[in-house]
């Protein structure tokens, strides 16, 4: 298989993984072209402009998705979740999953060491910009949804840290710090489940089960947040 055919096969795989097929393949190629490659080959464009656009598209579409998904939490809490997901490291992890790193076009000076975390994350942002230009806002929003879902499935539950969010909410209301207590265990020793109660003072905010005490605490905090922590 020629290098060109192999590259085209990889970009087809990339489109399948992101669930979007480009009408304008030039936009896709531009999103995957680093400035070092463009400078060496004389190409008129590379992905820095698309990265600029994609940065804004990613933040807006992820924000809208989170706004609808977490309808009961505050602006500050939404900002906290977004900052955990929209960052260089998370862009890099997603880029590896969809196969961006293997199709970035680099100049000779960079090929030996391969795409860095920053170069790969920037290409991921560029891809968001390219999808927006090629397919419009709805297509970009669909990509943002799958981006968020990817991180929610691979991250531990405390990455969307409901315990911290609950504590910050309560403290902002002048209510102090929540207290977690394991109140029940169920099941055989090799498959225990735990029930945790979260309280503030003498008030029970929520109770929840989990496979571990930690999971039960996060689940209880989430329920308390969904109740909007009524005074």
C-alpha atoms as a PDB file:
ATOM      1  CA  UNK A   1       0.000   0.000   0.000  1.00  0.00           C
ATOM      2  CA  UNK A   2       1.371   3.451  -0.934  1.00  0.00           C
ATOM      3  CA  UNK A   3       1.878   6.140   1.704  1.00  0.00           C
ATOM      4  CA  UNK A   4      -0.888   8.195   0.092  1.00  0.00           C
ATOM      5  CA  UNK A   5      -3.363   5.297   0.123  1.00  0.00           C
ATOM      6  CA  UNK A   6      -2.451   4.512   3.712  1.00  0.00           C
ATOM      7  CA  UNK A   7      -2.960   8.153   4.709  1.00  0.00           C
ATOM      8  CA  UNK A   8      -6.340   8.260   2.983  1.00  0.00           C
ATOM      9  CA  UNK A   9      -7.339   5.075   4.781  1.00  0.00           C
ATOM     10  CA  UNK A  10      -6.394   6.595   8.130  1.00  0.00           C
ATOM     11  CA  UNK A  11      -8.388   9.758   7.460  1.00  0.00           C
ATOM     12  CA  UNK A  12     -11.389   7.621   6.513  1.00  0.00           C
ATOM     13  CA  UNK A  13     -11.014   5.795   9.825  1.00  0.00           C
ATOM     14  CA  UNK A  14     -10.830   9.149  11.598  1.00  0.00           C
ATOM     15  CA  UNK A  15     -14.090  10.296  10.015  1.00  0.00           C
ATOM     16  CA  UNK A  16     -15.797   7.060  11.031  1.00  0.00           C
ATOM     17  CA  UNK A  17     -14.608   7.433  14.621  1.00  0.00           C
ATOM     18  CA  UNK A  18     -15.845  11.012  14.955  1.00  0.00           C
ATOM     19  CA  UNK A  19     -19.112  10.154  13.218  1.00  0.00           C
ATOM     20  CA  UNK A  20     -18.750  12.832  10.564  1.00  0.00           C
ATOM     21  CA  UNK A  21     -17.853  12.631   6.858  1.00  0.00           C
ATOM     22  CA  UNK A  22     -16.445  15.771   5.247  1.00  0.00           C
ATOM     23  CA  UNK A  23     -17.925  17.173   2.070  1.00  0.00           C
ATOM     24  CA  UNK A  24     -14.845  19.367   1.632  1.00  0.00           C
ATOM     25  CA  UNK A  25     -11.859  17.066   2.129  1.00  0.00           C
ATOM     26  CA  UNK A  26      -9.519  20.048   1.788  1.00  0.00           C
ATOM     27  CA  UNK A  27     -10.827  21.350   5.109  1.00  0.00           C
ATOM     28  CA  UNK A  28     -10.014  18.030   6.764  1.00  0.00           C
ATOM     29  CA  UNK A  29      -6.522  18.027   5.261  1.00  0.00           C
ATOM     30  CA  UNK A  30      -5.950  21.589   6.423  1.00  0.00           C
ATOM     31  CA  UNK A  31      -7.004  20.676   9.963  1.00  0.00           C
ATOM     32  CA  UNK A  32      -4.382  17.925   9.976  1.00  0.00           C
ATOM     33  CA  UNK A  33      -1.542  19.995   8.471  1.00  0.00           C
ATOM     34  CA  UNK A  34       1.026  21.451  10.869  1.00  0.00           C
ATOM     35  CA  UNK A  35       2.747  24.706   9.944  1.00  0.00           C
ATOM     36  CA  UNK A  36       6.124  22.931   9.713  1.00  0.00           C
ATOM     37  CA  UNK A  37       4.819  20.726   6.884  1.00  0.00           C
ATOM     38  CA  UNK A  38       3.220  23.656   5.047  1.00  0.00           C
ATOM     39  CA  UNK A  39       6.431  25.694   5.285  1.00  0.00           C
ATOM     40  CA  UNK A  40       8.566  22.870   3.913  1.00  0.00           C
ATOM     41  CA  UNK A  41       6.233  21.899   1.074  1.00  0.00           C
ATOM     42  CA  UNK A  42       5.035  25.344   0.072  1.00  0.00           C
ATOM     43  CA  UNK A  43       1.395  24.673   0.923  1.00  0.00           C
ATOM     44  CA  UNK A  44      -0.591  27.909   1.196  1.00  0.00           C
ATOM     45  CA  UNK A  45      -2.357  26.954   4.438  1.00  0.00           C
ATOM     46  CA  UNK A  46      -2.000  24.984   7.663  1.00  0.00           C
ATOM     47  CA  UNK A  47      -4.192  24.422  10.711  1.00  0.00           C
ATOM     48  CA  UNK A  48      -3.431  27.448  12.892  1.00  0.00           C
ATOM     49  CA  UNK A  49      -6.416  29.484  11.675  1.00  0.00           C
ATOM     50  CA  UNK A  50      -8.705  26.490  12.078  1.00  0.00           C
ATOM     51  CA  UNK A  51      -7.274  25.988  15.576  1.00  0.00           C
ATOM     52  CA  UNK A  52      -8.251  29.579  16.422  1.00  0.00           C
ATOM     53  CA  UNK A  53     -11.805  28.949  15.236  1.00  0.00           C
ATOM     54  CA  UNK A  54     -12.001  25.462  16.725  1.00  0.00           C
ATOM     55  CA  UNK A  55     -11.050  26.731  20.175  1.00  0.00           C
ATOM     56  CA  UNK A  56     -14.161  28.934  20.203  1.00  0.00           C
ATOM     57  CA  UNK A  57     -16.374  26.270  18.610  1.00  0.00           C
ATOM     58  CA  UNK A  58     -15.304  23.642  21.143  1.00  0.00           C
ATOM     59  CA  UNK A  59     -15.944  25.901  24.124  1.00  0.00           C
ATOM     60  CA  UNK A  60     -19.358  27.010  22.869  1.00  0.00           C
ATOM     61  CA  UNK A  61     -20.627  23.563  21.840  1.00  0.00           C
ATOM     62  CA  UNK A  62     -19.385  21.840  24.982  1.00  0.00           C
ATOM     63  CA  UNK A  63     -20.938  24.645  27.043  1.00  0.00           C
ATOM     64  CA  UNK A  64     -24.311  24.193  25.352  1.00  0.00           C
ATOM     65  CA  UNK A  65     -24.203  20.427  25.784  1.00  0.00           C
ATOM     66  CA  UNK A  66     -23.331  20.728  29.490  1.00  0.00           C
ATOM     67  CA  UNK A  67     -25.999  23.416  29.954  1.00  0.00           C
ATOM     68  CA  UNK A  68     -28.715  21.011  28.827  1.00  0.00           C
ATOM     69  CA  UNK A  69     -27.205  17.874  30.373  1.00  0.00           C
ATOM     70  CA  UNK A  70     -26.755  19.330  33.876  1.00  0.00           C
ATOM     71  CA  UNK A  71     -29.855  21.470  34.150  1.00  0.00           C
ATOM     72  CA  UNK A  72     -29.862  21.686  37.949  1.00  0.00           C
ATOM     73  CA  UNK A  73     -26.371  23.015  38.675  1.00  0.00           C
ATOM     74  CA  UNK A  74     -24.968  26.513  38.882  1.00  0.00           C
ATOM     75  CA  UNK A  75     -22.883  28.536  36.463  1.00  0.00           C
ATOM     76  CA  UNK A  76     -19.795  28.049  38.615  1.00  0.00           C
ATOM     77  CA  UNK A  77     -20.265  24.293  38.682  1.00  0.00           C
ATOM     78  CA  UNK A  78     -20.761  24.171  34.905  1.00  0.00           C
ATOM     79  CA  UNK A  79     -17.564  26.146  34.494  1.00  0.00           C
ATOM     80  CA  UNK A  80     -15.715  23.687  36.706  1.00  0.00           C
ATOM     81  CA  UNK A  81     -16.879  20.686  34.666  1.00  0.00           C
ATOM     82  CA  UNK A  82     -16.041  22.402  31.379  1.00  0.00           C
ATOM     83  CA  UNK A  83     -12.542  23.292  32.565  1.00  0.00           C
ATOM     84  CA  UNK A  84     -11.923  19.628  33.402  1.00  0.00           C
ATOM     85  CA  UNK A  85     -12.861  18.565  29.876  1.00  0.00           C
ATOM     86  CA  UNK A  86     -11.800  21.437  27.628  1.00  0.00           C
ATOM     87  CA  UNK A  87      -8.052  21.444  28.204  1.00  0.00           C
ATOM     88  CA  UNK A  88      -4.937  20.321  26.365  1.00  0.00           C
ATOM     89  CA  UNK A  89      -4.604  16.952  28.113  1.00  0.00           C
ATOM     90  CA  UNK A  90      -8.225  15.956  27.468  1.00  0.00           C
ATOM     91  CA  UNK A  91      -8.034  17.088  23.845  1.00  0.00           C
ATOM     92  CA  UNK A  92      -4.904  14.953  23.483  1.00  0.00           C
ATOM     93  CA  UNK A  93      -6.576  11.867  25.001  1.00  0.00           C
ATOM     94  CA  UNK A  94      -9.566  12.237  22.695  1.00  0.00           C
ATOM     95  CA  UNK A  95      -7.289  12.815  19.700  1.00  0.00           C
ATOM     96  CA  UNK A  96      -5.481   9.551  20.419  1.00  0.00           C
ATOM     97  CA  UNK A  97      -8.779   7.688  20.606  1.00  0.00           C
ATOM     98  CA  UNK A  98     -10.072   8.950  17.240  1.00  0.00           C
ATOM     99  CA  UNK A  99      -6.685   8.591  15.531  1.00  0.00           C
ATOM    100  CA  UNK A 100      -5.690  12.209  14.927  1.00  0.00           C
ATOM    101  CA  UNK A 101      -2.076  11.720  15.996  1.00  0.00           C
ATOM    102  CA  UNK A 102      -1.428   9.190  13.248  1.00  0.00           C
ATOM    103  CA  UNK A 103      -2.549  11.497  10.414  1.00  0.00           C
ATOM    104  CA  UNK A 104      -1.036  14.869  11.356  1.00  0.00           C
ATOM    105  CA  UNK A 105       1.279  16.101   8.595  1.00  0.00           C
ATOM    106  CA  UNK A 106       4.572  17.254  10.095  1.00  0.00           C
ATOM    107  CA  UNK A 107       7.725  18.791   8.702  1.00  0.00           C
ATOM    108  CA  UNK A 108      10.914  16.734   8.609  1.00  0.00           C
ATOM    109  CA  UNK A 109      12.240  18.463  11.719  1.00  0.00           C
ATOM    110  CA  UNK A 110       9.321  17.092  13.764  1.00  0.00           C
ATOM    111  CA  UNK A 111       8.685  13.697  12.177  1.00  0.00           C
ATOM    112  CA  UNK A 112      11.378  11.867  14.143  1.00  0.00           C
ATOM    113  CA  UNK A 113       9.917  12.669  17.565  1.00  0.00           C
ATOM    114  CA  UNK A 114       6.338  12.650  16.313  1.00  0.00           C
ATOM    115  CA  UNK A 115       3.443  14.925  17.266  1.00  0.00           C
ATOM    116  CA  UNK A 116       3.751  16.372  20.763  1.00  0.00           C
ATOM    117  CA  UNK A 117       0.830  16.646  23.174  1.00  0.00           C
ATOM    118  CA  UNK A 118       0.396  20.306  22.214  1.00  0.00           C
ATOM    119  CA  UNK A 119       0.563  19.672  18.453  1.00  0.00           C
ATOM    120  CA  UNK A 120      -1.959  16.829  18.746  1.00  0.00           C
ATOM    121  CA  UNK A 121      -4.347  18.827  20.951  1.00  0.00           C
ATOM    122  CA  UNK A 122      -4.136  21.784  18.557  1.00  0.00           C
ATOM    123  CA  UNK A 123      -5.041  19.504  15.653  1.00  0.00           C
ATOM    124  CA  UNK A 124      -8.054  18.285  17.640  1.00  0.00           C
ATOM    125  CA  UNK A 125      -9.221  21.887  18.060  1.00  0.00           C
ATOM    126  CA  UNK A 126      -8.622  22.459  14.348  1.00  0.00           C
ATOM    127  CA  UNK A 127     -10.861  19.493  13.580  1.00  0.00           C
ATOM    128  CA  UNK A 128     -13.705  21.123  15.520  1.00  0.00           C
ATOM    129  CA  UNK A 129     -13.232  24.257  13.447  1.00  0.00           C
ATOM    130  CA  UNK A 130     -13.214  22.248  10.225  1.00  0.00           C
ATOM    131  CA  UNK A 131     -16.400  20.344  11.140  1.00  0.00           C
ATOM    132  CA  UNK A 132     -18.107  23.645  11.960  1.00  0.00           C
ATOM    133  CA  UNK A 133     -17.170  25.155   8.587  1.00  0.00           C
ATOM    134  CA  UNK A 134     -18.048  22.013   6.637  1.00  0.00           C
ATOM    135  CA  UNK A 135     -21.233  20.919   8.376  1.00  0.00           C
ATOM    136  CA  UNK A 136     -22.414  23.852  10.456  1.00  0.00           C
ATOM    137  CA  UNK A 137     -23.192  24.288  14.135  1.00  0.00           C
ATOM    138  CA  UNK A 138     -25.391  21.198  14.508  1.00  0.00           C
ATOM    139  CA  UNK A 139     -22.567  18.944  13.278  1.00  0.00           C
ATOM    140  CA  UNK A 140     -20.094  20.614  15.628  1.00  0.00           C
ATOM    141  CA  UNK A 141     -22.530  20.219  18.533  1.00  0.00           C
ATOM    142  CA  UNK A 142     -22.908  16.510  17.761  1.00  0.00           C
ATOM    143  CA  UNK A 143     -19.118  16.149  17.813  1.00  0.00           C
ATOM    144  CA  UNK A 144     -18.960  18.013  21.127  1.00  0.00           C
ATOM    145  CA  UNK A 145     -21.533  15.627  22.601  1.00  0.00           C
ATOM    146  CA  UNK A 146     -19.444  12.586  21.664  1.00  0.00           C
ATOM    147  CA  UNK A 147     -16.342  14.370  22.984  1.00  0.00           C
ATOM    148  CA  UNK A 148     -17.973  14.905  26.387  1.00  0.00           C
ATOM    149  CA  UNK A 149     -19.354  11.367  26.468  1.00  0.00           C
ATOM    150  CA  UNK A 150     -15.886   9.949  25.765  1.00  0.00           C
ATOM    151  CA  UNK A 151     -14.448  11.688  28.799  1.00  0.00           C
ATOM    152  CA  UNK A 152     -17.377  10.739  31.017  1.00  0.00           C
ATOM    153  CA  UNK A 153     -16.883   7.047  30.255  1.00  0.00           C
ATOM    154  CA  UNK A 154     -13.108   6.919  30.647  1.00  0.00           C
ATOM    155  CA  UNK A 155     -12.767   9.183  33.676  1.00  0.00           C
ATOM    156  CA  UNK A 156     -13.351   8.087  37.245  1.00  0.00           C
ATOM    157  CA  UNK A 157     -16.582   9.466  38.739  1.00  0.00           C
ATOM    158  CA  UNK A 158     -14.764  12.075  40.802  1.00  0.00           C
ATOM    159  CA  UNK A 159     -13.579  13.901  37.666  1.00  0.00           C
ATOM    160  CA  UNK A 160     -17.015  15.471  37.563  1.00  0.00           C
ATOM    161  CA  UNK A 161     -16.549  16.042  41.247  1.00  0.00           C
ATOM    162  CA  UNK A 162     -20.029  16.180  42.727  1.00  0.00           C
ATOM    163  CA  UNK A 163     -18.685  16.118  46.290  1.00  0.00           C
ATOM    164  CA  UNK A 164     -16.631  19.250  45.735  1.00  0.00           C
ATOM    165  CA  UNK A 165     -19.482  20.874  43.853  1.00  0.00           C
ATOM    166  CA  UNK A 166     -21.877  20.131  46.720  1.00  0.00           C
ATOM    167  CA  UNK A 167     -19.465  21.484  49.320  1.00  0.00           C
ATOM    168  CA  UNK A 168     -18.888  24.687  47.329  1.00  0.00           C
ATOM    169  CA  UNK A 169     -22.635  25.154  46.894  1.00  0.00           C
ATOM    170  CA  UNK A 170     -23.350  24.676  50.588  1.00  0.00           C
ATOM    171  CA  UNK A 171     -20.546  26.977  51.662  1.00  0.00           C
ATOM    172  CA  UNK A 172     -21.759  29.652  49.248  1.00  0.00           C
ATOM    173  CA  UNK A 173     -25.148  29.378  50.971  1.00  0.00           C
ATOM    174  CA  UNK A 174     -23.485  29.744  54.376  1.00  0.00           C
ATOM    175  CA  UNK A 175     -24.424  26.211  55.425  1.00  0.00           C
ATOM    176  CA  UNK A 176     -21.001  24.781  56.204  1.00  0.00           C
ATOM    177  CA  UNK A 177     -19.469  21.439  55.182  1.00  0.00           C
ATOM    178  CA  UNK A 178     -21.491  18.283  54.357  1.00  0.00           C
ATOM    179  CA  UNK A 179     -20.902  15.088  56.340  1.00  0.00           C
ATOM    180  CA  UNK A 180     -20.948  11.606  54.809  1.00  0.00           C
ATOM    181  CA  UNK A 181     -21.842   8.501  56.809  1.00  0.00           C
ATOM    182  CA  UNK A 182     -22.095   4.860  55.713  1.00  0.00           C
ATOM    183  CA  UNK A 183     -25.447   3.691  57.078  1.00  0.00           C
ATOM    184  CA  UNK A 184     -25.922   0.287  55.438  1.00  0.00           C
ATOM    185  CA  UNK A 185     -24.082  -2.573  53.755  1.00  0.00           C
ATOM    186  CA  UNK A 186     -25.657  -5.243  51.585  1.00  0.00           C
ATOM    187  CA  UNK A 187     -24.589  -8.345  49.709  1.00  0.00           C
ATOM    188  CA  UNK A 188     -21.922 -11.051  50.094  1.00  0.00           C
ATOM    189  CA  UNK A 189     -18.374 -10.122  51.068  1.00  0.00           C
ATOM    190  CA  UNK A 190     -17.101 -10.433  47.498  1.00  0.00           C
ATOM    191  CA  UNK A 191     -19.829  -8.155  46.117  1.00  0.00           C
ATOM    192  CA  UNK A 192     -20.783  -5.635  48.769  1.00  0.00           C
ATOM    193  CA  UNK A 193     -22.857  -2.520  48.139  1.00  0.00           C
ATOM    194  CA  UNK A 194     -22.838   0.479  50.443  1.00  0.00           C
ATOM    195  CA  UNK A 195     -25.465   3.047  51.342  1.00  0.00           C
ATOM    196  CA  UNK A 196     -24.234   6.500  52.300  1.00  0.00           C
ATOM    197  CA  UNK A 197     -26.116   9.387  53.830  1.00  0.00           C
ATOM    198  CA  UNK A 198     -25.000  12.981  53.362  1.00  0.00           C
ATOM    199  CA  UNK A 199     -26.117  15.529  55.938  1.00  0.00           C
ATOM    200  CA  UNK A 200     -25.605  19.148  56.849  1.00  0.00           C
ATOM    201  CA  UNK A 201     -26.122  19.625  60.555  1.00  0.00           C
ATOM    202  CA  UNK A 202     -29.202  17.588  61.454  1.00  0.00           C
ATOM    203  CA  UNK A 203     -30.666  17.769  57.950  1.00  0.00           C
ATOM    204  CA  UNK A 204     -30.419  14.712  55.673  1.00  0.00           C
ATOM    205  CA  UNK A 205     -29.692  15.953  52.140  1.00  0.00           C
ATOM    206  CA  UNK A 206     -29.647  12.614  50.327  1.00  0.00           C
ATOM    207  CA  UNK A 207     -28.935   8.899  50.517  1.00  0.00           C
ATOM    208  CA  UNK A 208     -27.476   6.678  47.799  1.00  0.00           C
ATOM    209  CA  UNK A 209     -26.026   3.242  47.099  1.00  0.00           C
ATOM    210  CA  UNK A 210     -22.727   2.422  45.426  1.00  0.00           C
ATOM    211  CA  UNK A 211     -20.377  -0.481  44.780  1.00  0.00           C
ATOM    212  CA  UNK A 212     -17.805   1.295  46.941  1.00  0.00           C
ATOM    213  CA  UNK A 213     -18.198   3.815  49.750  1.00  0.00           C
ATOM    214  CA  UNK A 214     -16.582   6.432  47.527  1.00  0.00           C
ATOM    215  CA  UNK A 215     -19.047   5.762  44.696  1.00  0.00           C
ATOM    216  CA  UNK A 216     -21.946   5.962  47.138  1.00  0.00           C
ATOM    217  CA  UNK A 217     -20.678   9.321  48.437  1.00  0.00           C
ATOM    218  CA  UNK A 218     -20.478  10.772  44.922  1.00  0.00           C
ATOM    219  CA  UNK A 219     -23.932   9.404  44.107  1.00  0.00           C
ATOM    220  CA  UNK A 220     -25.382  10.957  47.258  1.00  0.00           C
ATOM    221  CA  UNK A 221     -23.745  14.288  46.466  1.00  0.00           C
ATOM    222  CA  UNK A 222     -25.177  14.177  42.939  1.00  0.00           C
ATOM    223  CA  UNK A 223     -28.695  13.557  44.275  1.00  0.00           C
ATOM    224  CA  UNK A 224     -28.298  16.447  46.739  1.00  0.00           C
ATOM    225  CA  UNK A 225     -27.203  18.727  43.897  1.00  0.00           C
ATOM    226  CA  UNK A 226     -30.126  17.647  41.735  1.00  0.00           C
ATOM    227  CA  UNK A 227     -32.443  18.675  44.558  1.00  0.00           C
ATOM    228  CA  UNK A 228     -30.806  22.084  44.226  1.00  0.00           C
ATOM    229  CA  UNK A 229     -29.856  21.900  47.905  1.00  0.00           C
ATOM    230  CA  UNK A 230     -32.990  23.681  49.046  1.00  0.00           C
ATOM    231  CA  UNK A 231     -32.593  25.709  52.247  1.00  0.00           C
END
